């Protein structure tokens, strides 16, 4: 049959419609794949990833293995977090470090006992040091100090902290310990507030923080600091380095929901596609490792962002 002028005129339109259908089908398939992948990711959150880092230093002669945990909040991995305990033990660490928000400030009596029991088992593997975060900081002290709404420190010890340290774990905030680990000298400290002077600071409050940091830095040992928030040293793009070899942080949860590729956070308190979501960073010669942590955020599950512990090997330079 001979094609009419109308058929010929409609042919390009049919081709456009078919092309449009193909594009829509492709977009629908991509969206479905993304949704399925997200669901698989959420289901997979019962498994804990192990992220490995190696930090070289001339101050290290033999080697020290650290295991870092952060932001457990109310998450549980196995009954009484036994799977978490077993996974940490399997890494054969020399030191176990808990970098804040391992429990919430409004904890129940049962949750407080669960945290104590977690520490009790962890110390059987290696010495444990824990520090405060923004959610659990106030439960370790009798009083918190603020200047112009900015947290500058705390005073006193709570009975709950005494209970936790009865396990043998050591709490560090405005404090440090000097250790010999495998023949290597390590100074480990804890410091939550800003490591720089903020506008609301008086000479006295900044002086206290500066005095502690200067004291902490006054050693030839490898200096390791637990500081829950990256913004303790990095704020609005400004880096405030100290003579600290390695800072260990958490807090960000890597944005909770991350990009399906590159494991990069979509948004944190730093803003969209933050630089300091998780990973290793060089801050003017001071290294920082940010853990993506273990829990989600309230009702929001982790997506494309598996819960993790971090294994950090301190090794001789070169």
Protein backbone atom coordinates (compact mmCIF):
# COMPACT_ATOMS: atom_id res chain seq x y z
CA UNK A 1 0.00 0.00 0.00
CA UNK A 2 1.25 3.40 -0.90
CA UNK A 3 1.97 5.67 2.08
CA UNK A 4 0.04 8.92 2.12
CA UNK A 5 1.42 12.33 2.96
CA UNK A 6 -0.31 12.09 6.35
CA UNK A 7 1.51 8.83 7.17
CA UNK A 8 4.82 10.39 6.23
CA UNK A 9 4.15 13.48 8.31
CA UNK A 10 3.22 11.37 11.37
CA UNK A 11 6.30 9.13 11.17
CA UNK A 12 8.66 11.54 12.98
CA UNK A 13 6.05 12.00 15.70
CA UNK A 14 5.78 8.24 16.24
CA UNK A 15 9.55 7.96 16.40
CA UNK A 16 9.63 10.75 19.04
CA UNK A 17 6.92 8.99 21.05
CA UNK A 18 8.82 5.70 20.91
CA UNK A 19 12.04 7.46 21.95
CA UNK A 20 10.18 9.15 24.81
CA UNK A 21 8.80 5.83 25.99
CA UNK A 22 12.29 4.34 25.95
CA UNK A 23 13.66 7.22 28.03
CA UNK A 24 10.81 6.94 30.53
CA UNK A 25 11.27 3.19 30.76
CA UNK A 26 15.00 3.65 31.34
CA UNK A 27 14.37 6.24 34.04
CA UNK A 28 11.78 4.00 35.70
CA UNK A 29 14.18 1.04 35.60
CA UNK A 30 16.98 3.18 37.07
CA UNK A 31 14.69 4.44 39.84
CA UNK A 32 13.51 0.90 40.62
CA UNK A 33 17.12 -0.30 40.74
CA UNK A 34 17.98 2.55 43.09
CA UNK A 35 15.05 1.73 45.39
CA UNK A 36 15.93 -1.98 45.43
CA UNK A 37 19.57 -1.16 46.13
CA UNK A 38 18.55 1.17 48.95
CA UNK A 39 16.37 -1.54 50.52
CA UNK A 40 19.21 -4.05 50.22
CA UNK A 41 21.53 -1.48 51.80
CA UNK A 42 19.18 -0.96 54.75
CA UNK A 43 18.75 -4.71 55.26
CA UNK A 44 22.52 -5.07 55.15
CA UNK A 45 22.95 -2.65 58.04
CA UNK A 46 22.96 -5.60 60.42
CA UNK A 47 26.46 -6.31 59.16
CA UNK A 48 29.32 -4.10 60.33
CA UNK A 49 31.98 -3.06 57.82
CA UNK A 50 35.64 -2.92 58.83
CA UNK A 51 37.47 0.06 57.35
CA UNK A 52 41.26 -0.05 57.46
CA UNK A 53 43.73 2.82 57.65
CA UNK A 54 47.51 2.95 57.88
CA UNK A 55 49.22 5.96 59.48
CA UNK A 56 52.98 6.29 59.14
CA UNK A 57 55.03 8.14 61.74
CA UNK A 58 58.69 8.53 62.61
CA UNK A 59 57.61 8.33 66.24
CA UNK A 60 56.46 4.74 65.79
CA UNK A 61 59.16 2.07 65.78
CA UNK A 62 57.26 -1.20 66.15
CA UNK A 63 53.58 -0.68 65.41
CA UNK A 64 50.30 -0.13 67.25
CA UNK A 65 46.85 -1.30 66.15
CA UNK A 66 43.81 0.76 67.13
CA UNK A 67 40.15 -0.08 66.79
CA UNK A 68 37.85 2.94 66.72
CA UNK A 69 34.10 2.92 67.37
CA UNK A 70 31.75 5.89 67.37
CA UNK A 71 28.06 6.82 67.50
CA UNK A 72 26.48 3.59 68.67
CA UNK A 73 23.58 5.49 70.27
CA UNK A 74 20.79 2.91 70.75
CA UNK A 75 21.86 0.53 68.01
CA UNK A 76 22.43 -3.12 68.86
CA UNK A 77 24.34 -5.74 66.91
CA UNK A 78 23.40 -9.12 68.27
CA UNK A 79 22.17 -9.75 71.79
CA UNK A 80 23.97 -7.36 74.15
CA UNK A 81 26.04 -6.22 71.16
CA UNK A 82 27.97 -9.47 71.24
CA UNK A 83 28.59 -9.44 67.48
CA UNK A 84 30.21 -6.03 67.87
CA UNK A 85 32.38 -7.30 70.73
CA UNK A 86 33.44 -10.36 68.72
CA UNK A 87 34.23 -8.30 65.62
CA UNK A 88 36.44 -5.93 67.61
CA UNK A 89 38.27 -8.86 69.23
CA UNK A 90 38.86 -10.43 65.80
CA UNK A 91 40.91 -7.36 64.78
CA UNK A 92 43.42 -8.10 67.58
CA UNK A 93 43.78 -4.46 68.64
CA UNK A 94 46.35 -3.05 71.04
CA UNK A 95 43.94 -0.28 72.07
CA UNK A 96 40.17 0.09 71.75
CA UNK A 97 38.87 3.65 71.39
CA UNK A 98 35.26 4.79 71.76
CA UNK A 99 34.85 8.26 70.33
CA UNK A 100 31.62 9.55 71.83
CA UNK A 101 27.85 9.07 71.52
CA UNK A 102 28.08 5.42 72.44
CA UNK A 103 24.97 6.01 74.56
CA UNK A 104 22.28 8.70 74.54
CA UNK A 105 21.89 11.36 77.18
CA UNK A 106 18.35 10.22 77.97
CA UNK A 107 19.48 6.65 78.56
CA UNK A 108 17.36 4.25 80.53
CA UNK A 109 18.69 2.21 83.45
CA UNK A 110 18.72 -0.82 81.15
CA UNK A 111 20.71 1.06 78.48
CA UNK A 112 23.19 2.29 81.09
CA UNK A 113 23.78 -1.28 82.25
CA UNK A 114 24.14 -2.43 78.64
CA UNK A 115 26.91 0.14 78.05
CA UNK A 116 28.69 -0.90 81.23
CA UNK A 117 28.47 -4.54 80.14
CA UNK A 118 29.83 -3.62 76.70
CA UNK A 119 32.89 -1.99 78.29
CA UNK A 120 33.33 -4.94 80.66
CA UNK A 121 33.73 -7.31 77.71
CA UNK A 122 35.81 -4.99 75.54
CA UNK A 123 38.51 -4.54 78.21
CA UNK A 124 39.10 -8.29 78.10
CA UNK A 125 40.45 -7.80 74.55
CA UNK A 126 42.55 -4.64 75.02
CA UNK A 127 42.73 -1.43 77.09
CA UNK A 128 39.68 0.73 76.42
CA UNK A 129 39.54 4.53 76.34
CA UNK A 130 36.31 6.41 75.79
CA UNK A 131 35.43 10.07 75.31
CA UNK A 132 32.32 12.19 75.17
CA UNK A 133 30.12 13.22 72.28
CA UNK A 134 27.33 15.77 71.92
CA UNK A 135 24.65 13.28 73.00
CA UNK A 136 26.39 11.60 75.93
CA UNK A 137 28.76 14.26 77.22
CA UNK A 138 26.62 15.61 80.03
CA UNK A 139 26.01 12.21 81.60
CA UNK A 140 29.66 11.90 82.63
CA UNK A 141 29.88 15.14 84.63
CA UNK A 142 28.02 17.03 87.36
CA UNK A 143 27.94 20.35 85.54
CA UNK A 144 28.54 21.61 82.02
CA UNK A 145 30.07 25.03 81.35
CA UNK A 146 28.80 27.23 78.53
CA UNK A 147 29.85 30.70 77.38
CA UNK A 148 27.46 32.46 75.04
CA UNK A 149 25.85 29.11 74.26
CA UNK A 150 29.22 27.55 73.40
CA UNK A 151 30.28 24.47 75.37
CA UNK A 152 33.70 25.08 76.92
CA UNK A 153 34.02 22.21 79.39
CA UNK A 154 32.51 20.40 82.34
CA UNK A 155 33.08 19.95 86.04
CA UNK A 156 32.89 16.99 88.40
CA UNK A 157 32.16 13.32 87.83
CA UNK A 158 28.81 11.56 87.75
CA UNK A 159 28.12 8.33 89.62
CA UNK A 160 27.40 6.76 86.25
CA UNK A 161 30.94 7.54 85.07
CA UNK A 162 32.33 5.89 88.21
CA UNK A 163 30.27 2.80 87.37
CA UNK A 164 31.63 2.72 83.82
CA UNK A 165 35.25 3.17 84.88
CA UNK A 166 34.89 0.36 87.41
CA UNK A 167 35.13 -1.95 84.37
CA UNK A 168 38.72 -0.81 83.80
CA UNK A 169 37.85 1.44 80.85
CA UNK A 170 39.29 4.97 81.07
CA UNK A 171 37.29 8.12 80.35
CA UNK A 172 39.19 11.01 78.77
CA UNK A 173 37.95 14.59 78.62
CA UNK A 174 40.38 17.42 79.30
CA UNK A 175 42.74 14.61 80.22
CA UNK A 176 45.33 12.24 78.79
CA UNK A 177 47.34 9.13 79.52
CA UNK A 178 50.93 8.29 78.57
CA UNK A 179 51.27 4.68 77.43
CA UNK A 180 53.92 2.25 76.29
CA UNK A 181 52.41 -0.02 73.64
CA UNK A 182 54.62 -2.63 71.98
CA UNK A 183 57.62 -0.51 72.91
CA UNK A 184 56.12 2.63 71.35
CA UNK A 185 55.30 5.74 73.38
CA UNK A 186 51.77 7.02 72.84
CA UNK A 187 49.97 9.90 74.53
CA UNK A 188 46.20 9.54 74.22
CA UNK A 189 43.80 12.31 75.19
CA UNK A 190 40.18 13.39 74.94
CA UNK A 191 38.96 16.87 74.06
CA UNK A 192 35.45 17.78 72.91
CA UNK A 193 35.23 21.64 72.83
CA UNK A 194 36.50 23.95 70.10
CA UNK A 195 40.29 23.99 69.76
CA UNK A 196 40.22 27.65 68.80
CA UNK A 197 38.92 30.90 70.23
CA UNK A 198 35.30 31.65 69.38
CA UNK A 199 33.63 35.04 69.53
CA UNK A 200 31.84 34.46 72.84
CA UNK A 201 35.01 33.34 74.62
CA UNK A 202 36.43 35.21 77.54
CA UNK A 203 40.15 35.16 78.11
CA UNK A 204 39.60 32.70 80.96
CA UNK A 205 37.56 30.08 79.08
CA UNK A 206 39.77 30.09 75.99
CA UNK A 207 42.79 30.07 78.27
CA UNK A 208 41.65 26.82 79.88
CA UNK A 209 41.24 25.05 76.55
CA UNK A 210 44.48 26.44 75.13
CA UNK A 211 46.39 25.50 78.30
CA UNK A 212 45.19 21.89 78.08
CA UNK A 213 46.04 21.59 74.39
CA UNK A 214 49.50 23.10 74.88
CA UNK A 215 50.13 20.71 77.77
CA UNK A 216 48.92 17.76 75.71
CA UNK A 217 51.21 18.69 72.81
CA UNK A 218 54.27 18.97 75.04
CA UNK A 219 55.70 15.51 74.45
CA UNK A 220 57.84 13.66 71.92
CA UNK A 221 55.47 10.67 72.06
CA UNK A 222 52.97 9.91 69.31
CA UNK A 223 50.02 12.17 70.15
CA UNK A 224 46.54 10.73 69.64
CA UNK A 225 43.42 12.73 70.46
CA UNK A 226 39.80 11.61 70.70
CA UNK A 227 37.66 14.57 69.58
CA UNK A 228 34.11 13.58 68.70
CA UNK A 229 33.34 16.46 66.33
CA UNK A 230 35.48 17.27 63.28
CA UNK A 231 34.52 20.92 63.84
CA UNK A 232 36.63 20.91 66.98
CA UNK A 233 39.45 21.63 64.52
CA UNK A 234 37.65 22.42 61.25
CA UNK A 235 34.89 25.01 61.20
CA UNK A 236 33.30 26.67 58.16
CA UNK A 237 36.29 25.67 56.07
CA UNK A 238 38.85 27.08 58.51
CA UNK A 239 41.44 24.63 59.80
CA UNK A 240 42.85 25.10 63.31
CA UNK A 241 45.75 22.63 63.54
CA UNK A 242 47.72 21.73 66.64
CA UNK A 243 50.87 19.67 67.10
CA UNK A 244 48.80 16.49 67.28
CA UNK A 245 49.78 13.47 65.19
CA UNK A 246 46.31 11.94 64.83
CA UNK A 247 42.81 13.09 65.72
CA UNK A 248 40.02 10.52 65.77
CA UNK A 249 36.50 11.84 65.25
CA UNK A 250 32.96 10.68 64.49
CA UNK A 251 29.70 12.63 64.87
CA UNK A 252 28.83 12.95 61.16
CA UNK A 253 27.44 9.41 60.63
CA UNK A 254 28.71 10.19 57.11
CA UNK A 255 25.41 11.94 56.57
CA UNK A 256 23.43 8.75 57.36
CA UNK A 257 22.22 8.67 53.73
CA UNK A 258 25.19 8.61 51.37
CA UNK A 259 25.64 8.55 47.61
CA UNK A 260 25.26 5.06 46.09
CA UNK A 261 28.77 5.42 44.68
CA UNK A 262 31.92 6.88 46.25
CA UNK A 263 30.41 6.42 49.78
CA UNK A 264 30.18 10.21 50.05
CA UNK A 265 27.73 11.93 52.39
CA UNK A 266 24.96 13.93 50.75
CA UNK A 267 24.49 16.35 53.64
CA UNK A 268 25.78 16.89 57.18
CA UNK A 269 25.93 19.92 59.48
CA UNK A 270 28.74 21.06 57.18
CA UNK A 271 26.26 21.38 54.30
CA UNK A 272 25.66 19.63 50.97
CA UNK A 273 28.30 17.14 49.83
CA UNK A 274 30.55 17.89 52.81
CA UNK A 275 34.28 17.47 52.57
CA UNK A 276 34.55 16.02 56.08
CA UNK A 277 31.94 13.26 55.96
CA UNK A 278 34.23 10.35 56.78
CA UNK A 279 37.70 9.14 55.90
CA UNK A 280 41.25 10.38 56.36
CA UNK A 281 42.29 14.02 56.08
CA UNK A 282 45.44 16.11 56.43
CA UNK A 283 44.81 19.27 58.43
CA UNK A 284 47.97 21.28 58.09
CA UNK A 285 50.18 18.36 59.06
CA UNK A 286 47.73 17.04 61.67
CA UNK A 287 45.96 13.91 60.45
CA UNK A 288 42.29 13.30 61.16
CA UNK A 289 40.30 10.12 60.67
CA UNK A 290 36.51 10.47 60.83
CA UNK A 291 34.52 7.32 61.45
CA UNK A 292 31.13 6.94 59.75
CA UNK A 293 29.98 5.34 63.01
CA UNK A 294 27.49 2.63 63.80
CA UNK A 295 23.96 4.04 64.09
CA UNK A 296 21.47 5.86 61.91
CA UNK A 297 19.87 9.10 63.02
CA UNK A 298 16.61 8.85 64.96
CA UNK A 299 14.11 7.21 62.57
CA UNK A 300 16.32 7.62 59.48
CA UNK A 301 18.20 4.41 58.58
CA UNK A 302 21.65 4.32 57.05
CA UNK A 303 21.43 4.09 53.26
CA UNK A 304 24.45 3.23 51.06
CA UNK A 305 26.38 3.83 54.25
CA UNK A 306 27.03 0.62 56.21
CA UNK A 307 27.80 0.84 59.92
CA UNK A 308 31.52 0.55 60.50
CA UNK A 309 34.36 0.15 62.92
CA UNK A 310 37.77 1.46 61.95
CA UNK A 311 41.08 -0.36 62.23
CA UNK A 312 44.03 2.03 62.30
CA UNK A 313 47.56 0.70 62.12
CA UNK A 314 50.27 3.08 63.35
CA UNK A 315 53.45 2.01 61.57
CA UNK A 316 57.03 3.27 61.19
CA UNK A 317 57.55 5.87 58.47
CA UNK A 318 59.02 4.63 55.22
